[in-house]
């Protein structure tokens, strides 16, 4: 091995990242859409179950609306 390779400075910085933290991006693109998906599916399931319950009874309301409660 040559003398220059053994004395090379491998700790020299090549680049520095000065970006923002990912906190805002995580909230905006992950947490808020997932929570909105859960809330909207729950409320739609409640609305659907209420309408079916009034027209056809509790058994059919449970069967037809239970898929909307998967996220909740």
N, C-alpha and C. Protein backbone atom coordinates (compact mmCIF):
# COMPACT_ATOMS: atom_id res chain seq x y z
N UNK A 1 0.85 -1.18 0.00
CA UNK A 1 0.00 0.00 0.00
C UNK A 1 0.89 1.24 0.00
N UNK A 2 0.51 2.21 -0.74
CA UNK A 2 1.35 3.40 -0.85
C UNK A 2 1.20 4.28 0.38
N UNK A 3 2.17 5.16 0.53
CA UNK A 3 2.20 6.06 1.68
C UNK A 3 1.03 7.04 1.64
N UNK A 4 0.59 7.47 0.45
CA UNK A 4 -0.51 8.42 0.35
C UNK A 4 -1.84 7.78 0.75
N UNK A 5 -2.06 6.52 0.43
CA UNK A 5 -3.31 5.86 0.76
C UNK A 5 -3.45 5.68 2.27
N UNK A 6 -2.37 5.47 2.96
CA UNK A 6 -2.46 5.28 4.40
C UNK A 6 -2.67 6.60 5.13
N UNK A 7 -2.24 7.70 4.55
CA UNK A 7 -2.39 9.01 5.19
C UNK A 7 -3.60 9.79 4.69
N UNK A 8 -4.45 9.16 3.88
CA UNK A 8 -5.61 9.86 3.32
C UNK A 8 -6.58 10.22 4.45
N UNK A 9 -7.20 11.35 4.28
CA UNK A 9 -8.15 11.83 5.29
C UNK A 9 -9.55 11.37 4.88
N UNK A 10 -10.03 10.28 5.46
CA UNK A 10 -11.33 9.75 5.10
C UNK A 10 -12.46 10.39 5.89
N UNK A 11 -12.16 11.25 6.82
CA UNK A 11 -13.21 11.88 7.62
C UNK A 11 -13.62 13.25 7.07
N UNK A 12 -13.15 13.60 5.91
CA UNK A 12 -13.49 14.88 5.32
C UNK A 12 -14.95 14.87 4.86
N UNK A 13 -15.69 15.94 5.17
CA UNK A 13 -17.10 16.01 4.80
C UNK A 13 -17.23 16.24 3.29
N UNK A 14 -18.14 15.48 2.69
CA UNK A 14 -18.39 15.63 1.26
C UNK A 14 -19.57 16.56 1.03
N UNK A 15 -20.65 16.36 1.80
CA UNK A 15 -21.85 17.18 1.65
C UNK A 15 -22.54 17.30 3.00
N UNK A 16 -23.33 18.33 3.14
CA UNK A 16 -24.07 18.56 4.37
C UNK A 16 -25.54 18.71 4.02
N UNK A 17 -26.41 18.03 4.76
CA UNK A 17 -27.85 18.13 4.54
C UNK A 17 -28.41 19.21 5.45
N UNK A 18 -29.02 20.22 4.85
CA UNK A 18 -29.59 21.32 5.62
C UNK A 18 -31.09 21.41 5.43
N UNK A 19 -31.75 20.30 5.19
CA UNK A 19 -33.19 20.30 4.95
C UNK A 19 -33.98 20.44 6.25
N UNK A 20 -35.29 20.60 6.07
CA UNK A 20 -36.18 20.68 7.22
C UNK A 20 -36.39 19.30 7.82
N UNK A 21 -36.88 19.27 9.02
CA UNK A 21 -37.22 17.99 9.61
C UNK A 21 -38.45 17.42 8.90
N UNK A 22 -38.65 16.14 8.99
CA UNK A 22 -39.75 15.51 8.27
C UNK A 22 -41.04 15.51 9.07
N UNK A 23 -41.07 16.19 10.19
CA UNK A 23 -42.25 16.20 11.03
C UNK A 23 -43.50 16.70 10.33
N UNK A 24 -43.43 17.83 9.66
CA UNK A 24 -44.58 18.39 8.96
C UNK A 24 -45.01 17.49 7.82
N UNK A 25 -44.04 16.99 7.07
CA UNK A 25 -44.37 16.13 5.93
C UNK A 25 -45.03 14.83 6.38
N UNK A 26 -44.59 14.26 7.46
CA UNK A 26 -45.21 13.03 7.98
C UNK A 26 -46.65 13.31 8.37
N UNK A 27 -46.89 14.41 9.07
CA UNK A 27 -48.26 14.75 9.46
C UNK A 27 -49.14 15.00 8.25
N UNK A 28 -48.63 15.75 7.29
CA UNK A 28 -49.44 16.17 6.15
C UNK A 28 -49.71 15.04 5.17
N UNK A 29 -48.75 14.16 4.94
CA UNK A 29 -48.90 13.13 3.92
C UNK A 29 -49.23 11.75 4.46
N UNK A 30 -49.10 11.52 5.76
CA UNK A 30 -49.34 10.18 6.30
C UNK A 30 -50.43 10.18 7.36
N UNK A 31 -50.24 10.90 8.43
CA UNK A 31 -51.13 10.79 9.59
C UNK A 31 -52.50 11.39 9.30
N UNK A 32 -52.56 12.56 8.72
CA UNK A 32 -53.86 13.20 8.44
C UNK A 32 -54.67 12.41 7.40
N UNK A 33 -54.10 11.96 6.27
CA UNK A 33 -54.92 11.17 5.34
C UNK A 33 -55.42 9.85 5.94
N UNK A 34 -54.60 9.18 6.72
CA UNK A 34 -55.03 7.92 7.32
C UNK A 34 -56.15 8.15 8.31
N UNK A 35 -56.05 9.18 9.13
CA UNK A 35 -57.12 9.46 10.09
C UNK A 35 -58.40 9.91 9.39
N UNK A 36 -58.29 10.65 8.29
CA UNK A 36 -59.49 11.03 7.53
C UNK A 36 -60.14 9.81 6.88
N UNK A 37 -59.34 8.89 6.40
CA UNK A 37 -59.88 7.65 5.84
C UNK A 37 -60.65 6.86 6.89
N UNK A 38 -60.11 6.77 8.07
CA UNK A 38 -60.78 6.05 9.16
C UNK A 38 -62.08 6.74 9.55
N UNK A 39 -62.05 8.05 9.72
CA UNK A 39 -63.25 8.78 10.12
C UNK A 39 -64.34 8.74 9.06
N UNK A 40 -63.98 8.96 7.81
CA UNK A 40 -64.99 8.95 6.75
C UNK A 40 -65.60 7.57 6.55
N UNK A 41 -64.79 6.52 6.64
CA UNK A 41 -65.36 5.18 6.49
C UNK A 41 -66.27 4.85 7.66
N UNK A 42 -65.91 5.28 8.87
CA UNK A 42 -66.77 5.03 10.02
C UNK A 42 -68.10 5.78 9.90
N UNK A 43 -68.04 7.05 9.54
CA UNK A 43 -69.28 7.83 9.43
C UNK A 43 -70.16 7.35 8.27
N UNK A 44 -69.54 6.94 7.17
CA UNK A 44 -70.34 6.40 6.07
C UNK A 44 -70.99 5.07 6.47
N UNK A 45 -70.26 4.25 7.21
CA UNK A 45 -70.83 3.00 7.70
C UNK A 45 -71.99 3.24 8.65
N UNK A 46 -71.87 4.24 9.52
CA UNK A 46 -72.97 4.57 10.42
C UNK A 46 -74.19 5.08 9.64
N UNK A 47 -73.97 5.91 8.66
CA UNK A 47 -75.07 6.42 7.84
C UNK A 47 -75.75 5.29 7.07
N UNK A 48 -74.94 4.43 6.48
CA UNK A 48 -75.48 3.30 5.73
C UNK A 48 -76.24 2.34 6.64
N UNK A 49 -75.68 2.04 7.79
CA UNK A 49 -76.34 1.13 8.73
C UNK A 49 -77.65 1.73 9.23
N UNK A 50 -77.68 3.02 9.48
CA UNK A 50 -78.91 3.66 9.93
C UNK A 50 -80.02 3.60 8.88
N UNK A 51 -79.67 3.86 7.64
CA UNK A 51 -80.67 3.80 6.57
C UNK A 51 -81.18 2.38 6.34
N UNK A 52 -80.29 1.41 6.34
CA UNK A 52 -80.71 0.02 6.13
C UNK A 52 -81.50 -0.49 7.33
N UNK A 53 -81.12 -0.07 8.53
CA UNK A 53 -81.84 -0.50 9.73
C UNK A 53 -83.29 -0.02 9.70
N UNK A 54 -83.50 1.20 9.26
CA UNK A 54 -84.87 1.73 9.21
C UNK A 54 -85.72 1.01 8.16
N UNK A 55 -85.10 0.60 7.06
CA UNK A 55 -85.86 -0.01 5.97
C UNK A 55 -85.98 -1.53 6.09
N UNK A 56 -84.93 -2.21 6.57
CA UNK A 56 -84.92 -3.67 6.49
C UNK A 56 -84.68 -4.38 7.82
N UNK A 57 -84.28 -3.68 8.85
CA UNK A 57 -84.08 -4.33 10.14
C UNK A 57 -82.61 -4.47 10.52
N UNK A 58 -82.36 -4.94 11.75
CA UNK A 58 -80.99 -4.97 12.27
C UNK A 58 -80.09 -6.02 11.63
N UNK A 59 -80.63 -7.17 11.24
CA UNK A 59 -79.78 -8.23 10.69
C UNK A 59 -79.15 -7.80 9.37
N UNK A 60 -79.94 -7.27 8.47
CA UNK A 60 -79.41 -6.84 7.18
C UNK A 60 -78.52 -5.61 7.34
N UNK A 61 -78.85 -4.75 8.26
CA UNK A 61 -78.00 -3.57 8.50
C UNK A 61 -76.62 -4.00 8.97
N UNK A 62 -76.55 -4.99 9.83
CA UNK A 62 -75.26 -5.47 10.31
C UNK A 62 -74.46 -6.10 9.18
N UNK A 63 -75.13 -6.90 8.36
CA UNK A 63 -74.43 -7.61 7.28
C UNK A 63 -73.92 -6.64 6.22
N UNK A 64 -74.72 -5.68 5.82
CA UNK A 64 -74.35 -4.81 4.71
C UNK A 64 -73.41 -3.68 5.11
N UNK A 65 -73.42 -3.27 6.37
CA UNK A 65 -72.59 -2.12 6.76
C UNK A 65 -71.32 -2.50 7.48
N UNK A 66 -71.10 -3.76 7.79
CA UNK A 66 -69.92 -4.13 8.59
C UNK A 66 -68.61 -3.94 7.85
N UNK A 67 -68.61 -3.99 6.53
CA UNK A 67 -67.35 -3.79 5.80
C UNK A 67 -66.83 -2.36 5.93
N UNK A 68 -67.70 -1.41 6.22
CA UNK A 68 -67.26 -0.03 6.37
C UNK A 68 -66.64 0.23 7.73
N UNK A 69 -66.75 -0.72 8.65
CA UNK A 69 -66.17 -0.56 9.97
C UNK A 69 -64.83 -1.28 10.10
N UNK A 70 -64.27 -1.72 9.01
CA UNK A 70 -63.00 -2.44 9.05
C UNK A 70 -61.88 -1.55 9.56
N UNK A 71 -61.82 -0.31 9.11
CA UNK A 71 -60.75 0.59 9.52
C UNK A 71 -60.90 1.05 10.96
N UNK A 72 -62.12 1.08 11.46
CA UNK A 72 -62.36 1.57 12.82
C UNK A 72 -62.08 0.50 13.80
